[in-house]
Amino acid sequence: MRKIAAVLAAAAVAATIVVWAPWASSAGSGSTSPYEPVLDPADFSTTIDNQYFPLPVGRTLVYQGIKDGQTQVDTVTVTNQTKVVAEGITARVVTDVAKHGSTVLEKTSDWYAQDDQGNVWYVGEDTAHYLPNGKVDTSGSWEAGVNDAEPGLIMEANPQIPDAYRQEFLSGEAEDTAWIVDRGGSLTVPYGKVKNILTTLEATRVEPGAYDQKVYAPGIGIVHEQALTGDQEVADLVSVSG
């Protein structure tokens, strides 16, 4: 797996990163052009039914894994709440609570909206990481339209190899980029066996040399993610309800 990851990472870095869509002027972290997606809030909906990233209201997904050297359980809930971000887009609010046992490690509110082509956009997040010393770290929080932050794609309507796209952009804080690296096949996670999966490779200029892999299943969304470099970090889908 790590040999495959190294090859994929090298290919991604060496490639010229582009976005095959009219709404962006540049995509990958290697681009020197300004990233300024041109979006109309009227083109967006809080009904998110993209096959690889569906967010029906009331759905809860539970993941288990390891992060920062300890076991962790993440509970992701699609709420009935919405948020209008500064850029004017109304987004669906999705909460993510990470725990080690009964100890809350992190709470995040993520904001997503789907355009009329079926692409799902990530338009901001409010995150709080609870540190052992009792302090709260909110770095990584951002909102489209605030301090030059720009929205990014979290999933295309029709993802194809080798599409690449920014997932978020706030200089120095949120600069994730994703590449579609594989389609098809199956994967078994604690939730069960999923088929027709989609695999992405992710990197960020905020952490040079760090690469992550995510696997999506149709009708569900993320079923597996892991760090391909650095310390062990993995999460697998355990259950889906709603």
Protein backbone atom coordinates (compact mmCIF):
# COMPACT_ATOMS: atom_id res chain seq x y z
CA MET A 1 0.00 0.00 0.00
CA ARG A 2 2.76 2.46 0.88
CA LYS A 3 4.60 1.70 -2.38
CA ILE A 4 1.40 2.38 -4.31
CA ALA A 5 0.89 5.54 -2.29
CA ALA A 6 4.39 6.76 -3.07
CA VAL A 7 3.84 6.23 -6.79
CA LEU A 8 0.49 8.03 -6.72
CA ALA A 9 1.91 10.89 -4.69
CA ALA A 10 4.86 11.34 -7.02
CA ALA A 11 2.58 11.29 -10.06
CA ALA A 12 0.26 13.85 -8.51
CA VAL A 13 3.06 16.22 -7.64
CA ALA A 14 4.71 15.86 -11.05
CA ALA A 15 1.48 16.39 -12.97
CA THR A 16 0.20 19.73 -14.12
CA ILE A 17 -2.88 20.19 -11.96
CA VAL A 18 -5.96 21.55 -13.70
CA VAL A 19 -9.69 21.64 -13.14
CA TRP A 20 -11.84 20.62 -16.09
CA ALA A 21 -14.67 23.01 -15.26
CA PRO A 22 -15.63 26.58 -16.21
CA TRP A 23 -16.04 27.90 -12.66
CA ALA A 24 -12.39 27.97 -11.63
CA SER A 25 -9.23 29.61 -12.91
CA SER A 26 -6.82 27.19 -11.23
CA ALA A 27 -6.82 24.15 -9.01
CA GLY A 28 -3.76 22.41 -7.68
CA SER A 29 -1.35 23.70 -5.08
CA GLY A 30 1.31 23.94 -7.76
CA SER A 31 -0.59 26.57 -9.70
CA THR A 32 0.57 30.18 -9.67
CA SER A 33 -2.75 31.58 -10.92
CA PRO A 34 -5.17 32.98 -8.35
CA TYR A 35 -7.93 30.61 -7.29
CA GLU A 36 -11.19 32.50 -7.81
CA PRO A 37 -14.18 30.24 -8.48
CA VAL A 38 -17.06 32.22 -9.99
CA LEU A 39 -20.23 31.05 -8.28
CA ASP A 40 -23.85 32.25 -8.18
CA PRO A 41 -25.63 31.55 -4.86
CA ALA A 42 -28.86 31.04 -6.83
CA ASP A 43 -27.32 27.91 -8.39
CA PHE A 44 -26.99 26.12 -5.03
CA SER A 45 -29.23 23.90 -2.92
CA THR A 46 -29.05 22.39 0.55
CA THR A 47 -30.50 19.16 -0.88
CA ILE A 48 -27.36 17.09 -1.41
CA ASP A 49 -27.87 13.84 -3.32
CA ASN A 50 -24.54 13.40 -5.12
CA GLN A 51 -24.02 9.63 -5.43
CA TYR A 52 -20.58 9.65 -3.78
CA PHE A 53 -21.34 12.31 -1.17
CA PRO A 54 -25.05 12.19 -0.25
CA LEU A 55 -26.15 14.15 2.80
CA PRO A 56 -29.79 13.35 3.56
CA VAL A 57 -31.07 15.20 6.60
CA GLY A 58 -31.06 12.98 9.67
CA ARG A 59 -28.32 10.62 8.52
CA THR A 60 -25.65 9.61 11.04
CA LEU A 61 -22.38 7.92 10.10
CA VAL A 62 -20.06 6.45 12.72
CA TYR A 63 -16.36 5.85 12.09
CA GLN A 64 -13.70 4.22 14.25
CA GLY A 65 -9.95 4.35 13.93
CA ILE A 66 -6.70 5.73 15.27
CA LYS A 67 -5.41 9.30 15.36
CA ASP A 68 -2.62 10.93 17.35
CA GLY A 69 -1.68 7.54 18.78
CA GLN A 70 -5.07 6.77 20.33
CA THR A 71 -8.33 5.15 19.36
CA GLN A 72 -11.02 7.50 18.16
CA VAL A 73 -14.72 7.36 17.28
CA ASP A 74 -16.18 9.99 14.94
CA THR A 75 -19.92 10.60 14.75
CA VAL A 76 -21.02 12.57 11.69
CA THR A 77 -24.59 13.90 11.67
CA VAL A 78 -26.44 15.64 8.84
CA THR A 79 -28.56 18.21 10.64
CA ASN A 80 -31.69 20.04 9.51
CA GLN A 81 -29.86 23.32 10.05
CA THR A 82 -28.55 25.60 7.32
CA LYS A 83 -26.03 28.42 7.27
CA VAL A 84 -25.67 31.34 4.88
CA VAL A 85 -21.94 31.94 4.46
CA ALA A 86 -20.47 35.35 3.69
CA GLU A 87 -20.24 34.51 0.00
CA GLY A 88 -24.04 34.27 -0.06
CA ILE A 89 -24.39 30.50 -0.47
CA THR A 90 -26.86 28.68 1.79
CA ALA A 91 -25.29 25.46 3.04
CA ARG A 92 -26.28 22.31 4.88
CA VAL A 93 -24.75 22.01 8.38
CA VAL A 94 -23.05 18.69 9.16
CA THR A 95 -21.59 18.08 12.61
CA ASP A 96 -18.61 15.85 13.39
CA VAL A 97 -17.76 14.92 16.99
CA ALA A 98 -14.57 12.95 17.66
CA LYS A 99 -14.11 11.12 20.96
CA HIS A 100 -11.60 8.89 22.71
CA GLY A 101 -13.79 6.95 25.09
CA SER A 102 -15.92 9.59 26.80
CA THR A 103 -13.40 12.37 26.16
CA VAL A 104 -14.34 14.82 23.42
CA LEU A 105 -11.30 15.49 21.22
CA GLU A 106 -12.78 17.69 18.52
CA LYS A 107 -16.10 19.20 17.45
CA THR A 108 -16.59 20.50 13.93
CA SER A 109 -19.46 22.05 12.03
CA ASP A 110 -18.96 21.61 8.27
CA TRP A 111 -20.99 23.47 5.63
CA TYR A 112 -21.84 21.95 2.25
CA ALA A 113 -24.01 22.93 -0.72
CA GLN A 114 -24.73 21.28 -4.07
CA ASP A 115 -24.77 23.21 -7.32
CA ASP A 116 -27.30 22.65 -10.08
CA GLN A 117 -24.83 20.43 -11.95
CA GLY A 118 -24.60 18.02 -9.01
CA ASN A 119 -21.17 19.06 -7.70
CA VAL A 120 -20.90 19.27 -3.89
CA TRP A 121 -19.07 22.32 -2.58
CA TYR A 122 -17.38 22.81 0.77
CA VAL A 123 -18.01 26.38 1.88
CA GLY A 124 -16.54 26.48 5.37
CA GLU A 125 -16.16 24.95 8.79
CA ASP A 126 -16.11 25.91 12.45
CA THR A 127 -13.75 23.55 14.25
CA ALA A 128 -12.63 23.26 17.86
CA HIS A 129 -9.83 20.90 18.90
CA TYR A 130 -9.73 20.31 22.66
CA LEU A 131 -6.13 20.17 23.87
CA PRO A 132 -4.88 18.22 26.94
CA ASN A 133 -3.96 21.51 28.66
CA GLY A 134 -7.59 22.62 28.59
CA LYS A 135 -7.16 25.10 25.76
CA VAL A 136 -9.17 25.04 22.54
CA ASP A 137 -7.50 25.26 19.13
CA THR A 138 -9.75 26.72 16.43
CA SER A 139 -7.14 26.93 13.69
CA GLY A 140 -8.44 25.47 10.46
CA SER A 141 -11.79 27.23 10.80
CA TRP A 142 -12.78 29.22 7.72
CA GLU A 143 -15.77 30.64 5.87
CA ALA A 144 -16.12 31.31 2.16
CA GLY A 145 -16.05 35.06 1.62
CA VAL A 146 -14.22 35.88 4.87
CA ASN A 147 -10.54 36.91 4.77
CA ASP A 148 -10.27 35.89 1.11
CA ALA A 149 -11.34 32.31 1.82
CA GLU A 150 -12.73 30.50 -1.22
CA PRO A 151 -15.06 27.48 -1.43
CA GLY A 152 -13.87 24.24 -2.98
CA LEU A 153 -15.26 21.00 -4.33
CA ILE A 154 -15.72 18.08 -2.00
CA MET A 155 -17.10 15.81 -4.74
CA GLU A 156 -17.70 16.22 -8.45
CA ALA A 157 -20.99 15.29 -10.08
CA ASN A 158 -19.14 12.93 -12.42
CA PRO A 159 -15.66 12.22 -11.00
CA GLN A 160 -13.19 10.85 -13.52
CA ILE A 161 -9.52 9.91 -13.45
CA PRO A 162 -7.35 12.08 -13.32
CA ASP A 163 -9.54 15.02 -12.22
CA ALA A 164 -8.03 17.36 -9.64
CA TYR A 165 -9.66 20.11 -7.63
CA ARG A 166 -9.26 22.31 -4.60
CA GLN A 167 -11.44 21.29 -1.66
CA GLU A 168 -11.02 24.54 0.28
CA PHE A 169 -8.85 27.61 0.27
CA LEU A 170 -7.72 29.96 3.00
CA SER A 171 -4.05 30.78 2.58
CA GLY A 172 -1.94 29.12 5.27
CA GLU A 173 -4.95 27.56 7.00
CA ALA A 174 -6.99 25.45 4.58
CA GLU A 175 -5.41 24.41 1.28
CA ASP A 176 -6.49 20.83 0.59
CA THR A 177 -6.35 19.49 -2.97
CA ALA A 178 -7.77 16.14 -4.16
CA TRP A 179 -7.08 13.91 -7.17
CA ILE A 180 -9.31 11.13 -8.48
CA VAL A 181 -6.95 8.16 -8.70
CA ASP A 182 -9.16 5.09 -9.06
CA ARG A 183 -12.73 4.02 -9.81
CA GLY A 184 -14.35 0.62 -9.36
CA GLY A 185 -13.62 -2.38 -7.22
CA SER A 186 -14.78 -3.15 -3.70
CA LEU A 187 -13.65 -2.72 -0.11
CA THR A 188 -14.63 -4.38 3.15
CA VAL A 189 -14.89 -2.16 6.24
CA PRO A 190 -16.62 -2.83 9.59
CA TYR A 191 -19.87 -1.56 8.05
CA GLY A 192 -19.66 -4.29 5.40
CA LYS A 193 -18.52 -4.83 1.83
CA VAL A 194 -19.03 -1.84 -0.48
CA LYS A 195 -18.76 -1.94 -4.27
CA ASN A 196 -18.12 0.49 -7.14
CA ILE A 197 -15.87 2.56 -4.92
CA LEU A 198 -14.11 5.82 -5.76
CA THR A 199 -10.60 6.53 -4.45
CA THR A 200 -8.96 9.92 -4.04
CA LEU A 201 -5.52 11.12 -3.03
CA GLU A 202 -5.32 14.32 -0.99
CA ALA A 203 -2.51 16.71 -0.17
CA THR A 204 -2.19 20.15 1.37
CA ARG A 205 0.43 22.87 1.01
CA VAL A 206 -0.01 23.54 4.73
CA GLU A 207 1.70 20.17 5.40
CA PRO A 208 4.17 19.54 2.55
CA GLY A 209 4.81 15.85 1.88
CA ALA A 210 1.69 14.64 3.69
CA TYR A 211 -0.73 12.50 1.66
CA ASP A 212 -4.07 10.95 2.56
CA GLN A 213 -6.27 8.44 0.79
CA LYS A 214 -10.08 8.47 0.93
CA VAL A 215 -12.48 5.84 -0.37
CA TYR A 216 -16.10 6.67 -1.19
CA ALA A 217 -19.02 4.31 -1.80
CA PRO A 218 -22.12 5.21 -3.82
CA GLY A 219 -25.14 6.07 -1.69
CA ILE A 220 -22.97 6.41 1.42
CA GLY A 221 -19.98 8.74 1.03
CA ILE A 222 -16.67 8.21 2.82
CA VAL A 223 -16.15 4.62 4.01
CA HIS A 224 -12.39 4.63 4.62
CA GLU A 225 -9.62 7.16 5.03
CA GLN A 226 -6.01 6.87 6.01
CA ALA A 227 -2.78 8.80 6.13
CA LEU A 228 -0.26 7.46 3.61
CA THR A 229 2.67 9.28 5.17
CA GLY A 230 3.70 10.09 8.72
CA ASP A 231 2.14 8.61 11.85
CA GLN A 232 -0.62 6.02 11.66
CA GLU A 233 -4.01 7.60 11.08
CA VAL A 234 -7.00 5.64 9.85
CA ALA A 235 -10.80 5.69 10.05
CA ASP A 236 -13.33 3.12 8.83
CA LEU A 237 -17.10 3.29 8.56
CA VAL A 238 -18.87 1.28 11.26
CA SER A 239 -22.53 2.18 10.82
CA VAL A 240 -24.99 4.30 8.86
CA SER A 241 -28.46 5.25 10.01
CA GLY A 242 -31.08 7.58 8.58
